[in-house]
Amino acid sequence: MPTQADLGWTGCPAVERVPLRVSGARVFRGTRIPVAALFENLKDGVSLSEFVELFPGVTVQQARQVLEHLARSTRAAVGCGLKAAPVRPGDARSKDGGTSLGGV
């Protein structure tokens, strides 16, 4: 799977990167909330609606735009011959064996 640096975030309207804000991390536009927080929370089983409740300032639309951008970028990377590591049942990265995006 491509890293966050490889995803071409300039194509995602929900994300911005300001060098002096949050040490230059990619954040949800208009906030100080790192995009990485979405991925970490989904990995931990938090649903999308729970995420936006936990992080006021991020909208469901922004979170969906990030996930859609990730899906497009991943498909493009796979189309270029890059292969994502398989998620095996019981993998620590996924509570359900890799069958969902944490309640999204």
N, C-alpha and C. Protein backbone atom coordinates (compact mmCIF):
# COMPACT_ATOMS: atom_id res chain seq x y z
N MET A 1 0.85 -1.18 0.00
CA MET A 1 0.00 0.00 0.00
C MET A 1 0.89 1.23 0.00
N PRO A 2 0.52 2.25 -0.73
CA PRO A 2 1.33 3.46 -0.75
C PRO A 2 1.37 4.11 0.64
N THR A 3 2.44 4.81 0.91
CA THR A 3 2.51 5.54 2.18
C THR A 3 1.74 6.84 2.03
N GLN A 4 1.50 7.52 3.17
CA GLN A 4 0.80 8.80 3.10
C GLN A 4 1.52 9.78 2.19
N ALA A 5 2.84 9.72 2.17
CA ALA A 5 3.61 10.64 1.33
C ALA A 5 3.38 10.37 -0.15
N ASP A 6 3.02 9.14 -0.51
CA ASP A 6 2.85 8.76 -1.91
C ASP A 6 1.45 9.02 -2.45
N LEU A 7 0.52 9.45 -1.63
CA LEU A 7 -0.88 9.50 -2.03
C LEU A 7 -1.29 10.74 -2.81
N GLY A 8 -0.41 11.68 -3.04
CA GLY A 8 -0.77 12.86 -3.81
C GLY A 8 -1.91 13.62 -3.18
N TRP A 9 -1.75 14.01 -1.93
CA TRP A 9 -2.84 14.62 -1.17
C TRP A 9 -3.32 15.94 -1.75
N THR A 10 -2.57 16.55 -2.65
CA THR A 10 -3.05 17.81 -3.24
C THR A 10 -4.35 17.60 -4.00
N GLY A 11 -4.64 16.37 -4.39
CA GLY A 11 -5.89 16.06 -5.08
C GLY A 11 -7.06 15.82 -4.16
N CYS A 12 -6.86 15.94 -2.87
CA CYS A 12 -7.93 15.70 -1.90
C CYS A 12 -8.33 17.02 -1.24
N PRO A 13 -9.53 17.53 -1.52
CA PRO A 13 -9.93 18.83 -0.99
C PRO A 13 -10.09 18.87 0.53
N ALA A 14 -10.17 17.73 1.18
CA ALA A 14 -10.36 17.69 2.63
C ALA A 14 -9.06 17.82 3.40
N VAL A 15 -7.93 17.79 2.69
CA VAL A 15 -6.62 17.74 3.35
C VAL A 15 -5.78 18.95 2.97
N GLU A 16 -5.04 19.45 3.97
CA GLU A 16 -4.07 20.50 3.70
C GLU A 16 -2.82 20.23 4.51
N ARG A 17 -1.75 20.86 4.08
CA ARG A 17 -0.47 20.74 4.79
C ARG A 17 0.12 22.13 4.88
N VAL A 18 0.24 22.62 6.11
CA VAL A 18 0.81 23.94 6.36
C VAL A 18 2.10 23.70 7.14
N PRO A 19 3.25 24.10 6.58
CA PRO A 19 4.54 23.77 7.20
C PRO A 19 4.64 24.08 8.69
N LEU A 20 4.07 25.17 9.15
CA LEU A 20 4.21 25.53 10.56
C LEU A 20 3.03 25.09 11.43
N ARG A 21 2.12 24.32 10.85
CA ARG A 21 0.98 23.82 11.63
C ARG A 21 1.16 22.32 11.84
N VAL A 22 1.10 21.88 13.08
CA VAL A 22 1.24 20.47 13.46
C VAL A 22 2.49 19.86 12.80
N SER A 23 3.58 20.60 12.87
CA SER A 23 4.87 20.17 12.33
C SER A 23 4.81 19.77 10.86
N GLY A 24 3.91 20.38 10.11
CA GLY A 24 3.81 20.09 8.68
C GLY A 24 3.06 18.82 8.34
N ALA A 25 2.41 18.21 9.34
CA ALA A 25 1.63 16.99 9.07
C ALA A 25 0.42 17.34 8.21
N ARG A 26 -0.06 16.37 7.46
CA ARG A 26 -1.30 16.57 6.69
C ARG A 26 -2.45 16.54 7.67
N VAL A 27 -3.28 17.57 7.60
CA VAL A 27 -4.41 17.71 8.52
C VAL A 27 -5.70 17.89 7.73
N PHE A 28 -6.81 17.69 8.42
CA PHE A 28 -8.10 18.00 7.80
C PHE A 28 -8.17 19.51 7.62
N ARG A 29 -8.55 19.94 6.42
CA ARG A 29 -8.59 21.37 6.07
C ARG A 29 -9.33 22.17 7.13
N GLY A 30 -8.70 23.27 7.56
CA GLY A 30 -9.30 24.16 8.54
C GLY A 30 -9.20 23.69 9.98
N THR A 31 -8.44 22.60 10.21
CA THR A 31 -8.28 22.08 11.57
C THR A 31 -6.81 21.84 11.86
N ARG A 32 -6.55 21.38 13.06
CA ARG A 32 -5.22 20.92 13.44
C ARG A 32 -5.23 19.41 13.66
N ILE A 33 -6.24 18.74 13.13
CA ILE A 33 -6.41 17.30 13.34
C ILE A 33 -5.71 16.54 12.22
N PRO A 34 -4.67 15.77 12.57
CA PRO A 34 -3.94 15.02 11.55
C PRO A 34 -4.81 13.98 10.86
N VAL A 35 -4.62 13.83 9.56
CA VAL A 35 -5.32 12.80 8.80
C VAL A 35 -4.99 11.41 9.37
N ALA A 36 -3.78 11.25 9.86
CA ALA A 36 -3.38 9.97 10.44
C ALA A 36 -4.30 9.56 11.59
N ALA A 37 -4.90 10.53 12.29
CA ALA A 37 -5.81 10.20 13.39
C ALA A 37 -7.01 9.40 12.89
N LEU A 38 -7.47 9.69 11.67
CA LEU A 38 -8.58 8.93 11.11
C LEU A 38 -8.19 7.48 10.93
N PHE A 39 -7.03 7.24 10.33
CA PHE A 39 -6.60 5.87 10.07
C PHE A 39 -6.35 5.11 11.38
N GLU A 40 -5.76 5.77 12.36
CA GLU A 40 -5.50 5.13 13.65
C GLU A 40 -6.80 4.74 14.34
N ASN A 41 -7.78 5.64 14.30
CA ASN A 41 -9.05 5.36 14.95
C ASN A 41 -9.83 4.26 14.24
N LEU A 42 -9.85 4.28 12.91
CA LEU A 42 -10.52 3.22 12.17
C LEU A 42 -9.87 1.87 12.47
N LYS A 43 -8.55 1.87 12.54
CA LYS A 43 -7.82 0.64 12.85
C LYS A 43 -8.23 0.10 14.21
N ASP A 44 -8.52 1.00 15.14
CA ASP A 44 -8.91 0.61 16.49
C ASP A 44 -10.39 0.28 16.62
N GLY A 45 -11.12 0.32 15.50
CA GLY A 45 -12.53 -0.08 15.53
C GLY A 45 -13.52 1.05 15.72
N VAL A 46 -13.05 2.29 15.68
CA VAL A 46 -13.95 3.44 15.82
C VAL A 46 -14.68 3.65 14.49
N SER A 47 -15.98 3.86 14.54
CA SER A 47 -16.75 4.10 13.31
C SER A 47 -16.52 5.53 12.83
N LEU A 48 -16.91 5.79 11.61
CA LEU A 48 -16.76 7.12 11.03
C LEU A 48 -17.57 8.14 11.82
N SER A 49 -18.80 7.80 12.19
CA SER A 49 -19.62 8.74 12.96
C SER A 49 -19.03 8.99 14.34
N GLU A 50 -18.45 7.96 14.96
CA GLU A 50 -17.79 8.16 16.25
C GLU A 50 -16.56 9.05 16.09
N PHE A 51 -15.83 8.87 15.00
CA PHE A 51 -14.64 9.68 14.77
C PHE A 51 -14.98 11.16 14.72
N VAL A 52 -16.02 11.53 13.96
CA VAL A 52 -16.35 12.95 13.85
C VAL A 52 -16.89 13.50 15.16
N GLU A 53 -17.46 12.65 16.00
CA GLU A 53 -17.87 13.11 17.34
C GLU A 53 -16.64 13.34 18.22
N LEU A 54 -15.64 12.48 18.09
CA LEU A 54 -14.42 12.60 18.89
C LEU A 54 -13.55 13.78 18.46
N PHE A 55 -13.66 14.16 17.19
CA PHE A 55 -12.82 15.22 16.64
C PHE A 55 -13.68 16.32 16.03
N PRO A 56 -14.25 17.18 16.89
CA PRO A 56 -15.06 18.29 16.38
C PRO A 56 -14.24 19.13 15.40
N GLY A 57 -14.89 19.54 14.35
CA GLY A 57 -14.19 20.31 13.31
C GLY A 57 -14.02 19.48 12.06
N VAL A 58 -13.98 18.15 12.20
CA VAL A 58 -13.92 17.26 11.04
C VAL A 58 -15.34 16.84 10.72
N THR A 59 -15.72 16.94 9.46
CA THR A 59 -17.06 16.54 9.05
C THR A 59 -17.03 15.12 8.47
N VAL A 60 -18.20 14.50 8.43
CA VAL A 60 -18.31 13.18 7.81
C VAL A 60 -17.88 13.28 6.35
N GLN A 61 -18.27 14.37 5.69
CA GLN A 61 -17.89 14.55 4.28
C GLN A 61 -16.37 14.57 4.12
N GLN A 62 -15.66 15.29 4.99
CA GLN A 62 -14.20 15.34 4.90
C GLN A 62 -13.60 13.95 5.10
N ALA A 63 -14.09 13.24 6.11
CA ALA A 63 -13.55 11.90 6.38
C ALA A 63 -13.79 10.98 5.19
N ARG A 64 -14.97 11.06 4.60
CA ARG A 64 -15.27 10.23 3.42
C ARG A 64 -14.39 10.61 2.24
N GLN A 65 -14.13 11.91 2.06
CA GLN A 65 -13.25 12.35 0.97
C GLN A 65 -11.86 11.76 1.14
N VAL A 66 -11.37 11.72 2.38
CA VAL A 66 -10.05 11.14 2.64
C VAL A 66 -10.05 9.65 2.30
N LEU A 67 -11.09 8.94 2.73
CA LEU A 67 -11.15 7.50 2.45
C LEU A 67 -11.30 7.23 0.95
N GLU A 68 -12.09 8.05 0.27
CA GLU A 68 -12.25 7.89 -1.18
C GLU A 68 -10.93 8.17 -1.89
N HIS A 69 -10.21 9.18 -1.42
CA HIS A 69 -8.90 9.50 -2.01
C HIS A 69 -7.94 8.33 -1.79
N LEU A 70 -7.94 7.77 -0.60
CA LEU A 70 -7.09 6.62 -0.30
C LEU A 70 -7.43 5.46 -1.23
N ALA A 71 -8.72 5.19 -1.41
CA ALA A 71 -9.14 4.09 -2.29
C ALA A 71 -8.68 4.32 -3.73
N ARG A 72 -8.88 5.54 -4.24
CA ARG A 72 -8.44 5.86 -5.60
C ARG A 72 -6.92 5.71 -5.74
N SER A 73 -6.20 6.23 -4.77
CA SER A 73 -4.73 6.19 -4.83
C SER A 73 -4.22 4.76 -4.74
N THR A 74 -4.87 3.96 -3.91
CA THR A 74 -4.46 2.56 -3.76
C THR A 74 -4.73 1.79 -5.05
N ARG A 75 -5.91 2.02 -5.65
CA ARG A 75 -6.22 1.37 -6.93
C ARG A 75 -5.20 1.77 -7.99
N ALA A 76 -4.83 3.04 -8.01
CA ALA A 76 -3.85 3.51 -8.99
C ALA A 76 -2.50 2.85 -8.76
N ALA A 77 -2.10 2.71 -7.48
CA ALA A 77 -0.82 2.08 -7.17
C ALA A 77 -0.82 0.61 -7.57
N VAL A 78 -1.93 -0.07 -7.31
CA VAL A 78 -2.03 -1.48 -7.68
C VAL A 78 -2.02 -1.61 -9.20
N GLY A 79 -2.68 -0.67 -9.89
CA GLY A 79 -2.68 -0.67 -11.34
C GLY A 79 -1.30 -0.45 -11.94
N CYS A 80 -0.42 0.17 -11.16
CA CYS A 80 0.95 0.42 -11.62
C CYS A 80 1.88 -0.74 -11.28
N GLY A 81 1.33 -1.80 -10.73
CA GLY A 81 2.15 -2.97 -10.42
C GLY A 81 2.60 -3.06 -8.98
N LEU A 82 2.27 -2.06 -8.15
CA LEU A 82 2.61 -2.14 -6.74
C LEU A 82 1.62 -3.07 -6.07
N LYS A 83 2.09 -3.85 -5.13
CA LYS A 83 1.20 -4.79 -4.45
C LYS A 83 1.11 -4.44 -2.98
N ALA A 84 -0.12 -4.42 -2.48
CA ALA A 84 -0.34 -4.19 -1.05
C ALA A 84 -0.11 -5.49 -0.31
N ALA A 85 0.40 -5.39 0.90
CA ALA A 85 0.57 -6.58 1.73
C ALA A 85 -0.80 -7.13 2.09
N PRO A 86 -0.98 -8.44 1.99
CA PRO A 86 -2.29 -9.01 2.31
C PRO A 86 -2.58 -8.90 3.80
N VAL A 87 -3.86 -8.75 4.11
CA VAL A 87 -4.29 -8.76 5.51
C VAL A 87 -4.86 -10.14 5.75
N ARG A 88 -4.24 -10.87 6.66
CA ARG A 88 -4.67 -12.23 6.94
C ARG A 88 -5.65 -12.25 8.10
N PRO A 89 -6.58 -13.22 8.12
CA PRO A 89 -7.50 -13.34 9.25
C PRO A 89 -6.71 -13.38 10.55
N GLY A 90 -7.16 -12.62 11.52
CA GLY A 90 -6.49 -12.57 12.81
C GLY A 90 -5.33 -11.60 12.85
N ASP A 91 -5.04 -10.91 11.75
CA ASP A 91 -3.97 -9.94 11.70
C ASP A 91 -4.23 -8.85 12.73
N ALA A 92 -3.22 -8.44 13.45
CA ALA A 92 -3.38 -7.42 14.49
C ALA A 92 -3.86 -6.10 13.94
N ARG A 93 -3.69 -5.86 12.62
CA ARG A 93 -4.12 -4.60 12.03
C ARG A 93 -5.62 -4.53 11.86
N SER A 94 -6.31 -5.65 11.99
CA SER A 94 -7.74 -5.66 11.71
C SER A 94 -8.46 -6.57 12.68
N LYS A 95 -9.43 -6.01 13.41
CA LYS A 95 -10.18 -6.79 14.38
C LYS A 95 -11.08 -7.82 13.72
N ASP A 96 -11.46 -7.58 12.47
CA ASP A 96 -12.39 -8.49 11.80
C ASP A 96 -11.72 -9.29 10.68
N GLY A 97 -10.42 -9.38 10.73
CA GLY A 97 -9.72 -10.14 9.72
C GLY A 97 -9.56 -9.42 8.39
N GLY A 98 -9.78 -8.10 8.40
CA GLY A 98 -9.56 -7.32 7.19
C GLY A 98 -10.76 -7.20 6.28
N THR A 99 -11.96 -7.41 6.82
CA THR A 99 -13.14 -7.36 5.95
C THR A 99 -13.86 -6.03 5.95
N SER A 100 -13.46 -5.08 6.79
CA SER A 100 -14.15 -3.79 6.79
C SER A 100 -13.18 -2.67 7.10
N LEU A 101 -13.71 -1.45 7.07
CA LEU A 101 -12.91 -0.27 7.42
C LEU A 101 -13.36 0.26 8.77
N GLY A 102 -13.46 -0.60 9.76
CA GLY A 102 -13.78 -0.15 11.10
C GLY A 102 -15.13 0.52 11.22
N GLY A 103 -16.15 -0.02 10.61
CA GLY A 103 -17.49 0.53 10.75
C GLY A 103 -17.80 1.66 9.81
N VAL A 104 -16.98 1.86 8.80
CA VAL A 104 -17.23 2.93 7.83
C VAL A 104 -18.40 2.55 6.97
